[in-house]
Amino acid sequence: MYNRILVAVDGSVNSHRAARHAAQLASLCQGVVVEILYILEFDRTRSDVLDNASSDDLHIDRKKRLMPIEEAFEQFQIPFKLVIKHGDPGPIIVNFANSGEFDLVVLGSRGLNTFQEMVLGSVSHKVAKRVTAPVLIVK
């Protein structure tokens, strides 16, 4: 069914749901390769540094955000590779997904209200429009 699955996560509740769903799907496929893509947003990282958060604190925070996501795959005994990138999530997910020959891209819905989505656009909407593989948005 699927040979390569990309799961884009940000540590939010919706990305936890997306990871659990992706793990369930992967458990149905023999020999599937799963890559988890976590993107550090530059603006958020910069504000954390300006607020005097040490690099150790940032590392601990990142580990806390990723722990439930990794546990979802460990629960189903699905091997995965964690990839961490820096920058704007939308374009990075699109570029990574399109260059990786994935059969499926799974990500969580951010849950913007209608006005915010109209003005800003959501990451999930941008990804769904620009990624060549099928995209599953979990909310």
Protein backbone atom coordinates (compact mmCIF):
# COMPACT_ATOMS: atom_id res chain seq x y z
CA MET A 1 0.00 0.00 0.00
CA TYR A 2 2.55 2.61 1.17
CA ASN A 3 6.31 2.25 0.99
CA ARG A 4 7.40 5.71 2.19
CA ILE A 5 5.41 7.90 4.58
CA LEU A 6 6.36 11.41 5.66
CA VAL A 7 4.85 12.70 8.89
CA ALA A 8 5.30 16.45 9.44
CA VAL A 9 4.92 17.42 13.09
CA ASP A 10 5.19 20.50 15.28
CA GLY A 11 4.49 19.04 18.71
CA SER A 12 0.88 20.24 18.81
CA VAL A 13 -2.09 18.09 19.79
CA ASN A 14 -3.10 17.79 16.13
CA SER A 15 0.38 16.61 15.15
CA HIS A 16 0.17 13.97 17.92
CA ARG A 17 -3.09 12.77 16.35
CA ALA A 18 -1.48 12.78 12.91
CA ALA A 19 1.46 10.72 14.21
CA ARG A 20 -0.85 8.14 15.82
CA HIS A 21 -2.85 7.86 12.60
CA ALA A 22 0.31 7.53 10.50
CA ALA A 23 1.62 4.84 12.86
CA GLN A 24 -1.62 2.89 12.51
CA LEU A 25 -1.42 3.15 8.70
CA ALA A 26 2.25 2.13 8.71
CA SER A 27 1.43 -0.92 10.84
CA LEU A 28 -0.71 -2.18 7.95
CA CYS A 29 2.16 -2.00 5.47
CA GLN A 30 5.07 -4.43 5.41
CA GLY A 31 8.50 -2.78 5.22
CA VAL A 32 7.25 0.80 5.23
CA VAL A 33 9.81 3.58 5.70
CA VAL A 34 8.59 6.44 7.92
CA GLU A 35 10.29 9.80 8.23
CA ILE A 36 9.18 12.28 10.87
CA LEU A 37 9.90 15.89 9.90
CA TYR A 38 10.07 18.41 12.75
CA ILE A 39 10.63 22.03 11.82
CA LEU A 40 12.03 24.61 14.18
CA GLU A 41 10.50 27.94 13.24
CA PHE A 42 13.16 30.65 13.19
CA ASP A 43 10.91 33.30 14.79
CA ARG A 44 9.96 31.02 17.68
CA THR A 45 13.53 29.88 18.27
CA ARG A 46 14.77 33.47 18.16
CA SER A 47 12.16 34.61 20.70
CA ASP A 48 13.10 31.71 22.98
CA VAL A 49 16.76 32.74 22.83
CA LEU A 50 15.86 36.38 23.47
CA ASP A 51 13.82 35.26 26.48
CA ASN A 52 17.06 33.80 27.89
CA ALA A 53 16.20 30.16 27.35
CA SER A 54 19.42 28.18 27.31
CA SER A 55 20.22 25.74 24.52
CA ASP A 56 19.75 22.94 27.06
CA ASP A 57 16.24 24.25 27.86
CA LEU A 58 15.40 24.42 24.16
CA HIS A 59 16.67 20.86 23.66
CA ILE A 60 14.57 19.60 26.61
CA ASP A 61 11.49 21.41 25.26
CA ARG A 62 11.99 19.87 21.82
CA LYS A 63 12.37 16.40 23.37
CA LYS A 64 9.12 16.88 25.33
CA ARG A 65 7.28 17.90 22.16
CA LEU A 66 8.57 14.92 20.20
CA MET A 67 8.23 12.24 22.88
CA PRO A 68 4.49 11.47 22.31
CA ILE A 69 5.08 11.41 18.56
CA GLU A 70 7.96 8.95 18.82
CA GLU A 71 5.96 6.84 21.30
CA ALA A 72 3.14 6.48 18.75
CA PHE A 73 5.52 4.72 16.35
CA GLU A 74 7.24 2.72 19.09
CA GLN A 75 3.84 1.45 20.26
CA PHE A 76 3.27 -0.11 16.82
CA GLN A 77 6.95 -1.11 16.53
CA ILE A 78 7.35 1.01 13.41
CA PRO A 79 10.95 2.09 12.74
CA PHE A 80 11.27 5.77 11.89
CA LYS A 81 13.85 8.39 11.10
CA LEU A 82 13.59 11.82 12.73
CA VAL A 83 14.63 14.78 10.58
CA ILE A 84 14.90 18.26 12.10
CA LYS A 85 14.98 21.34 9.87
CA HIS A 86 14.95 25.10 10.54
CA GLY A 87 12.76 27.66 8.81
CA ASP A 88 9.28 28.33 7.50
CA PRO A 89 7.25 25.09 7.83
CA GLY A 90 5.17 25.30 4.64
CA PRO A 91 7.96 25.57 2.07
CA ILE A 92 10.25 23.18 3.95
CA ILE A 93 7.60 20.46 4.14
CA VAL A 94 6.77 20.90 0.44
CA ASN A 95 10.42 20.78 -0.67
CA PHE A 96 11.25 17.83 1.58
CA ALA A 97 8.15 15.88 0.52
CA ASN A 98 8.60 16.51 -3.20
CA SER A 99 12.28 15.58 -3.16
CA GLY A 100 11.76 12.41 -1.10
CA GLU A 101 9.47 10.37 -3.34
CA PHE A 102 6.96 9.75 -0.55
CA ASP A 103 3.77 7.79 -1.17
CA LEU A 104 1.89 9.70 1.52
CA VAL A 105 2.37 12.88 3.55
CA VAL A 106 0.56 13.07 6.90
CA LEU A 107 0.23 16.22 8.97
CA GLY A 108 -2.07 17.76 11.52
CA SER A 109 -4.50 20.56 10.90
CA ARG A 110 -3.51 23.73 12.69
CA GLY A 111 -7.08 24.76 13.40
CA LEU A 112 -6.98 28.38 12.30
CA ASN A 113 -10.29 30.15 12.31
CA THR A 114 -11.80 31.08 8.95
CA PHE A 115 -10.50 34.66 9.02
CA GLN A 116 -6.95 33.67 10.00
CA GLU A 117 -6.84 31.01 7.32
CA MET A 118 -8.13 33.46 4.69
CA VAL A 119 -5.51 36.09 5.60
CA LEU A 120 -2.54 33.89 6.51
CA GLY A 121 -3.24 30.55 4.89
CA SER A 122 -2.56 27.40 6.86
CA VAL A 123 0.53 25.22 6.57
CA SER A 124 -1.66 22.18 5.89
CA HIS A 125 -3.46 24.01 3.07
CA LYS A 126 -0.17 25.11 1.49
CA VAL A 127 1.21 21.58 1.73
CA ALA A 128 -1.92 20.00 0.26
CA LYS A 129 -1.79 22.39 -2.72
CA ARG A 130 1.91 21.97 -3.52
CA VAL A 131 2.99 18.44 -2.59
CA THR A 132 2.83 15.95 -5.44
CA ALA A 133 2.08 12.94 -3.21
CA PRO A 134 -1.30 12.32 -1.58
CA VAL A 135 -1.71 14.38 1.62
CA LEU A 136 -3.65 13.28 4.68
CA ILE A 137 -4.62 16.10 7.04
CA VAL A 138 -5.63 14.90 10.51
CA LYS A 139 -7.66 17.11 12.82
